[in-house]
C-alpha cells in the first residue's frame, strides 16, 4: 500500500519535493490519464495539502499493515475524505499494477540489509561522537520503487520516529556507485530522523539573528541548516559518505569544489530561479569546505555545537 501511495501522491505533485521526473517516466508507460483520473488527482492533492507533513497521510499508508490502513486513517481524516481516498486508490489500481514489480522489492531488501550491516557499527560510533548516545539501534526502512534503472537513489524522513523511506529501482542491476549512493541515502535519512531536531536546536541562534531571510527560497532557515549539516556528513560529497563509501580522490574533490563554488555564487545572486540541482550544489560546496572541521571534531571527540554552526555561517556569508 505504501508504494501505491507513493505512486499516486507523487502524480499529484502536491509538494515541491514530489519527483516530477518520476512522473514523466510513469506517464510515458501508463499512457494519458482520463478526465476522471485527473480529477481524482486534484482531489487527492487538496487532501494532502490540507494535512501536509504535520499530519502526513503517507505515514499511515507506508507504515501500516495493509488491512489496517483505512482504519488508522479514519482517526485523522473526515468520513467524507476517507471515502474519497478509497475511491482514488481504486481508480488508480490498474495503473499502479503496470509500474509495480514486487520482485525488485524483495531483492533490494536483501542487498540493503547486507550492505548496511557492513558499516552500521562504524557509522553509529561516528554519529555518537558528533551528536551523543543513540539508544535506538534498530530502525525500519520502507522501500519505495522509483522508475529509473541505474539512477540515483533518494529518500525521506517524514515518518516521524517510525522509520525512513528509500526510493530506488533494482539494486541488483546497478554498479558500485549507485549502491554506495543507496547506503549513503539510508544514513542521510537516518541522521534526519535521529538528530534533525537537535541540529535545529543547536542552530536556533542563526534563525533568531536572520529572521525571515532564506538561503534556499522554498525552505525556511531551520530546514536549510538541518539539510546543510546532514549533507556535510552523508551525501555524494559528505565527509562520512566519502570516508566509507565513495572514497573520492583529493584531486576530484578539489575540482568539484570549484564547480560547486560557481553554483553557490549563482544561487546567492539569483535566488528566484534556482533548481533542486542548484540546491544540491550549494550543499556540496558547503560540505566539501567543512571536511577539515568535521575531521577535527571526530578526532577530538567533539559534539556538533554552536561553533560548528558559526563556521557554516562564515561559509554562507
C-alpha atoms as a PDB file:
ATOM      1  CA  UNK A   1       0.000   0.000   0.000  1.00  0.00           C
ATOM      2  CA  UNK A   2       2.941   2.320   0.698  1.00  0.00           C
ATOM      3  CA  UNK A   3       4.209   2.066  -2.854  1.00  0.00           C
ATOM      4  CA  UNK A   4       0.748   2.722  -4.243  1.00  0.00           C
ATOM      5  CA  UNK A   5       0.532   5.855  -2.088  1.00  0.00           C
ATOM      6  CA  UNK A   6       3.985   6.924  -3.290  1.00  0.00           C
ATOM      7  CA  UNK A   7       2.939   6.491  -6.933  1.00  0.00           C
ATOM      8  CA  UNK A   8      -0.425   8.258  -6.758  1.00  0.00           C
ATOM      9  CA  UNK A   9       0.615  11.043  -4.369  1.00  0.00           C
ATOM     10  CA  UNK A  10       3.673  11.814  -6.490  1.00  0.00           C
ATOM     11  CA  UNK A  11       1.449  12.140  -9.562  1.00  0.00           C
ATOM     12  CA  UNK A  12      -0.481  14.915  -7.770  1.00  0.00           C
ATOM     13  CA  UNK A  13       2.718  16.996  -7.337  1.00  0.00           C
ATOM     14  CA  UNK A  14       1.199  18.334  -4.112  1.00  0.00           C
ATOM     15  CA  UNK A  15       4.563  19.438  -2.665  1.00  0.00           C
ATOM     16  CA  UNK A  16       7.803  20.792  -4.133  1.00  0.00           C
ATOM     17  CA  UNK A  17       9.575  17.595  -3.002  1.00  0.00           C
ATOM     18  CA  UNK A  18       7.494  15.425  -5.372  1.00  0.00           C
ATOM     19  CA  UNK A  19       9.692  13.923  -8.094  1.00  0.00           C
ATOM     20  CA  UNK A  20       8.417  15.337 -11.390  1.00  0.00           C
ATOM     21  CA  UNK A  21      10.953  13.286 -13.324  1.00  0.00           C
ATOM     22  CA  UNK A  22       9.412  10.069 -11.956  1.00  0.00           C
ATOM     23  CA  UNK A  23       6.026  11.174 -13.242  1.00  0.00           C
ATOM     24  CA  UNK A  24       7.386  11.697 -16.750  1.00  0.00           C
ATOM     25  CA  UNK A  25       8.585   8.087 -16.889  1.00  0.00           C
ATOM     26  CA  UNK A  26       5.456   6.661 -15.285  1.00  0.00           C
ATOM     27  CA  UNK A  27       3.091   8.590 -17.552  1.00  0.00           C
ATOM     28  CA  UNK A  28       5.065   7.513 -20.592  1.00  0.00           C
ATOM     29  CA  UNK A  29       4.443   3.903 -19.529  1.00  0.00           C
ATOM     30  CA  UNK A  30       0.810   4.077 -18.366  1.00  0.00           C
ATOM     31  CA  UNK A  31      -0.370   6.496 -21.061  1.00  0.00           C
ATOM     32  CA  UNK A  32      -2.583   9.569 -20.904  1.00  0.00           C
ATOM     33  CA  UNK A  33      -4.810   9.977 -17.863  1.00  0.00           C
ATOM     34  CA  UNK A  34      -8.571  10.121 -18.264  1.00  0.00           C
ATOM     35  CA  UNK A  35     -10.595  13.105 -17.068  1.00  0.00           C
ATOM     36  CA  UNK A  36     -11.774  11.025 -14.097  1.00  0.00           C
ATOM     37  CA  UNK A  37      -8.190  10.184 -13.159  1.00  0.00           C
ATOM     38  CA  UNK A  38      -7.072  13.812 -13.458  1.00  0.00           C
ATOM     39  CA  UNK A  39      -9.976  14.984 -11.293  1.00  0.00           C
ATOM     40  CA  UNK A  40      -9.177  12.373  -8.660  1.00  0.00           C
ATOM     41  CA  UNK A  41      -5.545  13.560  -8.534  1.00  0.00           C
ATOM     42  CA  UNK A  42      -6.730  17.129  -7.961  1.00  0.00           C
ATOM     43  CA  UNK A  43      -8.925  15.955  -5.100  1.00  0.00           C
ATOM     44  CA  UNK A  44      -6.083  13.924  -3.587  1.00  0.00           C
ATOM     45  CA  UNK A  45      -3.772  16.935  -3.895  1.00  0.00           C
ATOM     46  CA  UNK A  46      -6.176  19.091  -1.867  1.00  0.00           C
ATOM     47  CA  UNK A  47      -6.414  16.469   0.876  1.00  0.00           C
ATOM     48  CA  UNK A  48      -2.628  16.035   1.044  1.00  0.00           C
ATOM     49  CA  UNK A  49      -2.071  19.789   1.224  1.00  0.00           C
ATOM     50  CA  UNK A  50      -4.688  20.129   3.940  1.00  0.00           C
ATOM     51  CA  UNK A  51      -2.832  17.714   6.238  1.00  0.00           C
ATOM     52  CA  UNK A  52       0.657  18.489   4.862  1.00  0.00           C
ATOM     53  CA  UNK A  53       3.609  16.987   6.767  1.00  0.00           C
ATOM     54  CA  UNK A  54       2.218  17.962  10.172  1.00  0.00           C
ATOM     55  CA  UNK A  55      -0.246  15.069   9.804  1.00  0.00           C
ATOM     56  CA  UNK A  56       1.397  13.327   6.877  1.00  0.00           C
ATOM     57  CA  UNK A  57      -1.032  10.811   5.392  1.00  0.00           C
ATOM     58  CA  UNK A  58       1.854   8.831   3.927  1.00  0.00           C
ATOM     59  CA  UNK A  59       2.743   7.788   7.467  1.00  0.00           C
ATOM     60  CA  UNK A  60      -0.393   5.617   7.592  1.00  0.00           C
ATOM     61  CA  UNK A  61      -0.132   4.199   4.075  1.00  0.00           C
ATOM     62  CA  UNK A  62       3.582   3.403   4.339  1.00  0.00           C
ATOM     63  CA  UNK A  63       3.910   2.080   7.906  1.00  0.00           C
ATOM     64  CA  UNK A  64       0.533   0.399   8.491  1.00  0.00           C
ATOM     65  CA  UNK A  65      -0.242  -3.186   7.602  1.00  0.00           C
ATOM     66  CA  UNK A  66      -2.436  -3.185   4.510  1.00  0.00           C
ATOM     67  CA  UNK A  67      -5.528  -4.429   6.351  1.00  0.00           C
ATOM     68  CA  UNK A  68      -5.255  -1.616   8.905  1.00  0.00           C
ATOM     69  CA  UNK A  69      -4.517   1.339   6.619  1.00  0.00           C
ATOM     70  CA  UNK A  70      -8.070   2.632   6.311  1.00  0.00           C
ATOM     71  CA  UNK A  71      -8.866   2.078   9.983  1.00  0.00           C
ATOM     72  CA  UNK A  72      -5.769   4.013  11.029  1.00  0.00           C
ATOM     73  CA  UNK A  73      -6.502   6.783   8.533  1.00  0.00           C
ATOM     74  CA  UNK A  74     -10.035   7.180   9.864  1.00  0.00           C
ATOM     75  CA  UNK A  75      -8.552   8.583  13.087  1.00  0.00           C
ATOM     76  CA  UNK A  76      -7.152  11.560  11.139  1.00  0.00           C
ATOM     77  CA  UNK A  77      -9.285  12.302   8.060  1.00  0.00           C
ATOM     78  CA  UNK A  78     -13.013  13.009   7.901  1.00  0.00           C
ATOM     79  CA  UNK A  79     -15.506  10.313   6.922  1.00  0.00           C
ATOM     80  CA  UNK A  80     -16.032  12.027   3.554  1.00  0.00           C
ATOM     81  CA  UNK A  81     -12.300  12.225   2.882  1.00  0.00           C
ATOM     82  CA  UNK A  82     -11.841   8.570   3.784  1.00  0.00           C
ATOM     83  CA  UNK A  83     -14.423   7.596   1.184  1.00  0.00           C
ATOM     84  CA  UNK A  84     -12.755   9.844  -1.394  1.00  0.00           C
ATOM     85  CA  UNK A  85      -9.338   8.331  -0.693  1.00  0.00           C
ATOM     86  CA  UNK A  86     -10.644   4.790  -1.091  1.00  0.00           C
ATOM     87  CA  UNK A  87     -12.203   5.744  -4.433  1.00  0.00           C
ATOM     88  CA  UNK A  88      -8.978   7.432  -5.631  1.00  0.00           C
ATOM     89  CA  UNK A  89      -6.935   4.328  -4.847  1.00  0.00           C
ATOM     90  CA  UNK A  90      -9.475   2.122  -6.616  1.00  0.00           C
ATOM     91  CA  UNK A  91      -9.295   4.368  -9.695  1.00  0.00           C
ATOM     92  CA  UNK A  92      -5.502   4.001  -9.902  1.00  0.00           C
ATOM     93  CA  UNK A  93      -5.314   0.296  -9.053  1.00  0.00           C
ATOM     94  CA  UNK A  94      -4.774  -0.855 -12.654  1.00  0.00           C
ATOM     95  CA  UNK A  95      -2.322   1.936 -13.425  1.00  0.00           C
ATOM     96  CA  UNK A  96      -0.277   1.019 -10.354  1.00  0.00           C
ATOM     97  CA  UNK A  97      -0.090  -2.635 -11.422  1.00  0.00           C
ATOM     98  CA  UNK A  98       1.511  -1.506 -14.701  1.00  0.00           C
ATOM     99  CA  UNK A  99       4.502   0.061 -12.927  1.00  0.00           C
ATOM    100  CA  UNK A 100       4.866  -2.205  -9.848  1.00  0.00           C
ATOM    101  CA  UNK A 101       7.300  -5.134  -9.562  1.00  0.00           C
ATOM    102  CA  UNK A 102       7.295  -6.880  -6.175  1.00  0.00           C
ATOM    103  CA  UNK A 103      10.382  -8.963  -7.064  1.00  0.00           C
ATOM    104  CA  UNK A 104      12.505  -5.795  -7.094  1.00  0.00           C
ATOM    105  CA  UNK A 105      11.415  -5.043  -3.540  1.00  0.00           C
ATOM    106  CA  UNK A 106      12.411  -8.493  -2.299  1.00  0.00           C
ATOM    107  CA  UNK A 107      15.861  -8.309  -3.922  1.00  0.00           C
ATOM    108  CA  UNK A 108      16.544  -4.821  -2.610  1.00  0.00           C
ATOM    109  CA  UNK A 109      15.728  -5.808   0.972  1.00  0.00           C
ATOM    110  CA  UNK A 110      18.430  -8.499   0.888  1.00  0.00           C
ATOM    111  CA  UNK A 111      21.017  -6.228  -0.745  1.00  0.00           C
ATOM    112  CA  UNK A 112      20.500  -3.264   1.585  1.00  0.00           C
ATOM    113  CA  UNK A 113      20.474  -5.423   4.709  1.00  0.00           C
ATOM    114  CA  UNK A 114      23.820  -6.968   3.740  1.00  0.00           C
ATOM    115  CA  UNK A 115      25.447  -3.623   2.897  1.00  0.00           C
ATOM    116  CA  UNK A 116      24.161  -1.773   5.960  1.00  0.00           C
ATOM    117  CA  UNK A 117      25.448  -4.484   8.291  1.00  0.00           C
ATOM    118  CA  UNK A 118      28.966  -3.898   6.922  1.00  0.00           C
ATOM    119  CA  UNK A 119      29.122  -0.266   8.025  1.00  0.00           C
ATOM    120  CA  UNK A 120      26.487   0.297  10.733  1.00  0.00           C
ATOM    121  CA  UNK A 121      28.820  -0.061  13.786  1.00  0.00           C
ATOM    122  CA  UNK A 122      31.306   2.486  12.345  1.00  0.00           C
ATOM    123  CA  UNK A 123      28.538   4.925  11.430  1.00  0.00           C
ATOM    124  CA  UNK A 124      26.912   4.608  14.860  1.00  0.00           C
ATOM    125  CA  UNK A 125      30.253   5.313  16.505  1.00  0.00           C
ATOM    126  CA  UNK A 126      30.841   8.439  14.388  1.00  0.00           C
ATOM    127  CA  UNK A 127      27.334   9.789  14.984  1.00  0.00           C
ATOM    128  CA  UNK A 128      27.570   9.209  18.730  1.00  0.00           C
ATOM    129  CA  UNK A 129      30.856  11.136  18.741  1.00  0.00           C
ATOM    130  CA  UNK A 130      29.242  14.088  16.962  1.00  0.00           C
ATOM    131  CA  UNK A 131      25.743  14.084  18.445  1.00  0.00           C
ATOM    132  CA  UNK A 132      25.560  11.897  21.554  1.00  0.00           C
ATOM    133  CA  UNK A 133      24.271   8.490  22.579  1.00  0.00           C
ATOM    134  CA  UNK A 134      21.996   6.616  20.186  1.00  0.00           C
ATOM    135  CA  UNK A 135      19.681   4.452  22.232  1.00  0.00           C
ATOM    136  CA  UNK A 136      17.759   3.198  19.242  1.00  0.00           C
ATOM    137  CA  UNK A 137      19.943   0.689  17.377  1.00  0.00           C
ATOM    138  CA  UNK A 138      17.228  -0.654  15.073  1.00  0.00           C
ATOM    139  CA  UNK A 139      15.175   1.327  12.603  1.00  0.00           C
ATOM    140  CA  UNK A 140      12.734   0.482   9.826  1.00  0.00           C
ATOM    141  CA  UNK A 141      13.474   1.190   6.185  1.00  0.00           C
ATOM    142  CA  UNK A 142      10.448   1.375   3.878  1.00  0.00           C
ATOM    143  CA  UNK A 143      11.442   0.772   0.275  1.00  0.00           C
ATOM    144  CA  UNK A 144       9.661   2.694  -2.474  1.00  0.00           C
ATOM    145  CA  UNK A 145      10.165   1.766  -6.106  1.00  0.00           C
ATOM    146  CA  UNK A 146      11.126   4.579  -8.461  1.00  0.00           C
ATOM    147  CA  UNK A 147      11.050   4.132 -12.265  1.00  0.00           C
ATOM    148  CA  UNK A 148      14.702   4.720 -13.175  1.00  0.00           C
ATOM    149  CA  UNK A 149      17.189   1.900 -13.657  1.00  0.00           C
ATOM    150  CA  UNK A 150      20.819   2.635 -12.762  1.00  0.00           C
ATOM    151  CA  UNK A 151      19.895   6.057 -11.431  1.00  0.00           C
ATOM    152  CA  UNK A 152      20.475   7.909  -8.193  1.00  0.00           C
ATOM    153  CA  UNK A 153      18.658   6.798  -5.052  1.00  0.00           C
ATOM    154  CA  UNK A 154      16.543   9.228  -2.992  1.00  0.00           C
ATOM    155  CA  UNK A 155      14.896   9.102   0.411  1.00  0.00           C
ATOM    156  CA  UNK A 156      12.789  10.771   3.068  1.00  0.00           C
ATOM    157  CA  UNK A 157      12.438  11.061   6.843  1.00  0.00           C
ATOM    158  CA  UNK A 158       8.806  12.137   7.064  1.00  0.00           C
ATOM    159  CA  UNK A 159       7.541   9.174   9.110  1.00  0.00           C
ATOM    160  CA  UNK A 160       8.347  10.759  12.488  1.00  0.00           C
ATOM    161  CA  UNK A 161      10.141   8.125  14.549  1.00  0.00           C
ATOM    162  CA  UNK A 162       8.697   5.135  12.685  1.00  0.00           C
ATOM    163  CA  UNK A 163      11.482   4.863  10.119  1.00  0.00           C
ATOM    164  CA  UNK A 164      12.711   6.248   6.814  1.00  0.00           C
ATOM    165  CA  UNK A 165      11.815   5.808   3.146  1.00  0.00           C
ATOM    166  CA  UNK A 166      14.290   4.909   0.405  1.00  0.00           C
ATOM    167  CA  UNK A 167      13.415   5.325  -3.294  1.00  0.00           C
ATOM    168  CA  UNK A 168      15.263   3.013  -5.652  1.00  0.00           C
ATOM    169  CA  UNK A 169      14.933   0.622  -8.551  1.00  0.00           C
ATOM    170  CA  UNK A 170      16.580  -2.797  -8.883  1.00  0.00           C
ATOM    171  CA  UNK A 171      19.848  -2.522  -6.922  1.00  0.00           C
ATOM    172  CA  UNK A 172      20.994  -5.920  -8.197  1.00  0.00           C
ATOM    173  CA  UNK A 173      21.415  -4.407 -11.663  1.00  0.00           C
ATOM    174  CA  UNK A 174      23.377  -1.305 -10.643  1.00  0.00           C
ATOM    175  CA  UNK A 175      27.052  -0.531 -10.364  1.00  0.00           C
ATOM    176  CA  UNK A 176      29.003   0.087  -7.176  1.00  0.00           C
ATOM    177  CA  UNK A 177      28.442   3.841  -7.227  1.00  0.00           C
ATOM    178  CA  UNK A 178      24.636   3.539  -7.168  1.00  0.00           C
ATOM    179  CA  UNK A 179      24.873   1.012  -4.342  1.00  0.00           C
ATOM    180  CA  UNK A 180      27.144   3.413  -2.425  1.00  0.00           C
ATOM    181  CA  UNK A 181      24.586   6.121  -3.103  1.00  0.00           C
ATOM    182  CA  UNK A 182      21.820   3.914  -1.693  1.00  0.00           C
ATOM    183  CA  UNK A 183      23.681   3.244   1.571  1.00  0.00           C
ATOM    184  CA  UNK A 184      24.643   6.911   1.873  1.00  0.00           C
ATOM    185  CA  UNK A 185      20.989   7.927   1.458  1.00  0.00           C
ATOM    186  CA  UNK A 186      19.974   5.430   4.165  1.00  0.00           C
ATOM    187  CA  UNK A 187      22.334   7.064   6.666  1.00  0.00           C
ATOM    188  CA  UNK A 188      21.399  10.553   5.452  1.00  0.00           C
ATOM    189  CA  UNK A 189      17.754   9.929   6.311  1.00  0.00           C
ATOM    190  CA  UNK A 190      18.721   8.048   9.479  1.00  0.00           C
ATOM    191  CA  UNK A 191      20.534  11.199  10.670  1.00  0.00           C
ATOM    192  CA  UNK A 192      17.492  13.355   9.885  1.00  0.00           C
ATOM    193  CA  UNK A 193      15.296  11.015  11.902  1.00  0.00           C
ATOM    194  CA  UNK A 194      17.589  10.723  14.921  1.00  0.00           C
ATOM    195  CA  UNK A 195      19.145  14.156  15.234  1.00  0.00           C
ATOM    196  CA  UNK A 196      17.267  16.544  12.947  1.00  0.00           C
ATOM    197  CA  UNK A 197      15.576  18.216  15.916  1.00  0.00           C
ATOM    198  CA  UNK A 198      18.885  18.506  17.791  1.00  0.00           C
ATOM    199  CA  UNK A 199      20.539  20.184  14.781  1.00  0.00           C
ATOM    200  CA  UNK A 200      17.696  22.710  14.593  1.00  0.00           C
ATOM    201  CA  UNK A 201      18.034  23.499  18.312  1.00  0.00           C
ATOM    202  CA  UNK A 202      21.825  23.991  18.053  1.00  0.00           C
ATOM    203  CA  UNK A 203      21.235  26.282  15.055  1.00  0.00           C
ATOM    204  CA  UNK A 204      18.484  28.326  16.746  1.00  0.00           C
ATOM    205  CA  UNK A 205      20.675  31.436  17.263  1.00  0.00           C
ATOM    206  CA  UNK A 206      21.169  31.587  13.489  1.00  0.00           C
ATOM    207  CA  UNK A 207      17.412  31.789  12.842  1.00  0.00           C
ATOM    208  CA  UNK A 208      16.926  34.425  15.530  1.00  0.00           C
ATOM    209  CA  UNK A 209      19.642  36.628  14.052  1.00  0.00           C
ATOM    210  CA  UNK A 210      18.497  36.296  10.440  1.00  0.00           C
ATOM    211  CA  UNK A 211      14.724  36.484  10.761  1.00  0.00           C
ATOM    212  CA  UNK A 212      12.888  35.509   7.599  1.00  0.00           C
ATOM    213  CA  UNK A 213      15.846  35.650   5.215  1.00  0.00           C
ATOM    214  CA  UNK A 214      16.389  32.465   3.198  1.00  0.00           C
ATOM    215  CA  UNK A 215      19.341  30.733   1.587  1.00  0.00           C
ATOM    216  CA  UNK A 216      17.125  28.385  -0.409  1.00  0.00           C
ATOM    217  CA  UNK A 217      13.917  30.290  -1.291  1.00  0.00           C
ATOM    218  CA  UNK A 218      11.491  27.397  -0.835  1.00  0.00           C
ATOM    219  CA  UNK A 219      12.977  26.230   2.516  1.00  0.00           C
ATOM    220  CA  UNK A 220      12.903  28.027   5.845  1.00  0.00           C
ATOM    221  CA  UNK A 221      16.200  28.563   7.671  1.00  0.00           C
ATOM    222  CA  UNK A 222      15.614  25.776  10.182  1.00  0.00           C
ATOM    223  CA  UNK A 223      15.095  23.241   7.441  1.00  0.00           C
ATOM    224  CA  UNK A 224      18.001  24.560   5.368  1.00  0.00           C
ATOM    225  CA  UNK A 225      20.507  24.431   8.236  1.00  0.00           C
ATOM    226  CA  UNK A 226      19.474  20.869   9.030  1.00  0.00           C
ATOM    227  CA  UNK A 227      19.976  19.895   5.389  1.00  0.00           C
ATOM    228  CA  UNK A 228      23.412  21.546   5.319  1.00  0.00           C
ATOM    229  CA  UNK A 229      24.622  19.623   8.382  1.00  0.00           C
ATOM    230  CA  UNK A 230      23.176  16.305   7.175  1.00  0.00           C
ATOM    231  CA  UNK A 231      24.619  16.753   3.652  1.00  0.00           C
ATOM    232  CA  UNK A 232      28.009  17.641   5.139  1.00  0.00           C
ATOM    233  CA  UNK A 233      28.135  14.128   6.620  1.00  0.00           C
ATOM    234  CA  UNK A 234      26.070  11.981   4.244  1.00  0.00           C
ATOM    235  CA  UNK A 235      25.813  12.889   0.577  1.00  0.00           C
ATOM    236  CA  UNK A 236      27.910  12.439  -2.558  1.00  0.00           C
ATOM    237  CA  UNK A 237      30.424  14.846  -1.002  1.00  0.00           C
ATOM    238  CA  UNK A 238      29.587  14.273   2.676  1.00  0.00           C
ATOM    239  CA  UNK A 239      32.566  13.536   4.933  1.00  0.00           C
ATOM    240  CA  UNK A 240      31.371  10.155   6.248  1.00  0.00           C
ATOM    241  CA  UNK A 241      29.968   9.070   2.887  1.00  0.00           C
ATOM    242  CA  UNK A 242      33.309   9.856   1.283  1.00  0.00           C
ATOM    243  CA  UNK A 243      35.236   8.070   4.029  1.00  0.00           C
ATOM    244  CA  UNK A 244      33.240   4.836   3.994  1.00  0.00           C
ATOM    245  CA  UNK A 245      31.588   4.630   0.563  1.00  0.00           C
ATOM    246  CA  UNK A 246      32.668   6.885  -2.310  1.00  0.00           C
ATOM    247  CA  UNK A 247      36.325   7.494  -1.364  1.00  0.00           C
ATOM    248  CA  UNK A 248      36.841  10.333  -3.873  1.00  0.00           C
ATOM    249  CA  UNK A 249      40.481  11.214  -4.634  1.00  0.00           C
ATOM    250  CA  UNK A 250      41.574  14.619  -3.314  1.00  0.00           C
ATOM    251  CA  UNK A 251      42.016  15.869  -6.878  1.00  0.00           C
ATOM    252  CA  UNK A 252      38.375  15.075  -7.702  1.00  0.00           C
ATOM    253  CA  UNK A 253      37.144  16.780  -4.540  1.00  0.00           C
ATOM    254  CA  UNK A 254      39.248  19.849  -5.299  1.00  0.00           C
ATOM    255  CA  UNK A 255      37.968  20.197  -8.871  1.00  0.00           C
ATOM    256  CA  UNK A 256      34.388  19.713  -7.735  1.00  0.00           C
ATOM    257  CA  UNK A 257      34.812  22.438  -5.120  1.00  0.00           C
ATOM    258  CA  UNK A 258      35.490  24.941  -7.907  1.00  0.00           C
ATOM    259  CA  UNK A 259      32.409  23.778  -9.820  1.00  0.00           C
ATOM    260  CA  UNK A 260      30.111  23.960  -6.807  1.00  0.00           C
ATOM    261  CA  UNK A 261      31.516  27.345  -5.804  1.00  0.00           C
ATOM    262  CA  UNK A 262      30.178  28.730  -9.086  1.00  0.00           C
ATOM    263  CA  UNK A 263      26.772  27.189  -8.316  1.00  0.00           C
ATOM    264  CA  UNK A 264      26.851  28.688  -4.814  1.00  0.00           C
ATOM    265  CA  UNK A 265      27.668  32.178  -6.102  1.00  0.00           C
ATOM    266  CA  UNK A 266      24.959  31.895  -8.753  1.00  0.00           C
ATOM    267  CA  UNK A 267      22.334  30.931  -6.141  1.00  0.00           C
ATOM    268  CA  UNK A 268      23.358  33.799  -3.839  1.00  0.00           C
ATOM    269  CA  UNK A 269      22.978  36.265  -6.706  1.00  0.00           C
ATOM    270  CA  UNK A 270      19.751  34.866  -8.127  1.00  0.00           C
ATOM    271  CA  UNK A 271      17.543  33.177  -5.532  1.00  0.00           C
ATOM    272  CA  UNK A 272      14.324  33.490  -7.535  1.00  0.00           C
ATOM    273  CA  UNK A 273      15.253  30.982 -10.200  1.00  0.00           C
ATOM    274  CA  UNK A 274      17.119  28.096  -8.586  1.00  0.00           C
ATOM    275  CA  UNK A 275      16.512  24.417  -9.272  1.00  0.00           C
ATOM    276  CA  UNK A 276      16.789  21.399  -6.955  1.00  0.00           C
ATOM    277  CA  UNK A 277      20.126  20.601  -8.625  1.00  0.00           C
ATOM    278  CA  UNK A 278      21.328  24.100  -7.736  1.00  0.00           C
ATOM    279  CA  UNK A 279      20.239  23.480  -4.143  1.00  0.00           C
ATOM    280  CA  UNK A 280      22.248  20.246  -4.002  1.00  0.00           C
ATOM    281  CA  UNK A 281      25.241  22.091  -5.480  1.00  0.00           C
ATOM    282  CA  UNK A 282      25.066  24.567  -2.594  1.00  0.00           C
ATOM    283  CA  UNK A 283      25.054  21.734  -0.062  1.00  0.00           C
ATOM    284  CA  UNK A 284      28.009  20.045  -1.790  1.00  0.00           C
ATOM    285  CA  UNK A 285      30.021  23.285  -1.789  1.00  0.00           C
ATOM    286  CA  UNK A 286      29.466  23.750   1.948  1.00  0.00           C
ATOM    287  CA  UNK A 287      30.081  20.044   2.679  1.00  0.00           C
ATOM    288  CA  UNK A 288      33.496  19.989   0.975  1.00  0.00           C
ATOM    289  CA  UNK A 289      34.515  23.156   2.841  1.00  0.00           C
ATOM    290  CA  UNK A 290      33.524  21.501   6.129  1.00  0.00           C
ATOM    291  CA  UNK A 291      35.610  18.333   5.670  1.00  0.00           C
ATOM    292  CA  UNK A 292      38.598  19.575   7.740  1.00  0.00           C
ATOM    293  CA  UNK A 293      36.329  20.782  10.540  1.00  0.00           C
ATOM    294  CA  UNK A 294      34.378  17.504  10.689  1.00  0.00           C
ATOM    295  CA  UNK A 295      37.650  15.545  10.776  1.00  0.00           C
ATOM    296  CA  UNK A 296      38.807  17.741  13.675  1.00  0.00           C
ATOM    297  CA  UNK A 297      35.555  17.196  15.598  1.00  0.00           C
ATOM    298  CA  UNK A 298      35.771  13.418  15.164  1.00  0.00           C
ATOM    299  CA  UNK A 299      39.452  13.245  16.122  1.00  0.00           C
ATOM    300  CA  UNK A 300      38.895  15.407  19.212  1.00  0.00           C
ATOM    301  CA  UNK A 301      35.627  13.676  20.231  1.00  0.00           C
ATOM    302  CA  UNK A 302      33.735  16.963  19.995  1.00  0.00           C
ATOM    303  CA  UNK A 303      29.989  17.307  19.618  1.00  0.00           C
ATOM    304  CA  UNK A 304      28.418  19.420  16.881  1.00  0.00           C
ATOM    305  CA  UNK A 305      27.904  22.781  18.603  1.00  0.00           C
ATOM    306  CA  UNK A 306      27.301  26.497  18.010  1.00  0.00           C
ATOM    307  CA  UNK A 307      30.898  26.926  16.882  1.00  0.00           C
ATOM    308  CA  UNK A 308      30.312  24.344  14.141  1.00  0.00           C
ATOM    309  CA  UNK A 309      27.197  26.239  13.030  1.00  0.00           C
ATOM    310  CA  UNK A 310      29.104  29.556  13.105  1.00  0.00           C
ATOM    311  CA  UNK A 311      31.666  28.059  10.709  1.00  0.00           C
ATOM    312  CA  UNK A 312      28.836  27.147   8.317  1.00  0.00           C
ATOM    313  CA  UNK A 313      27.544  30.720   8.552  1.00  0.00           C
ATOM    314  CA  UNK A 314      31.018  32.056   7.643  1.00  0.00           C
ATOM    315  CA  UNK A 315      30.965  29.910   4.501  1.00  0.00           C
ATOM    316  CA  UNK A 316      27.469  31.055   3.572  1.00  0.00           C
ATOM    317  CA  UNK A 317      28.254  34.730   4.046  1.00  0.00           C
END
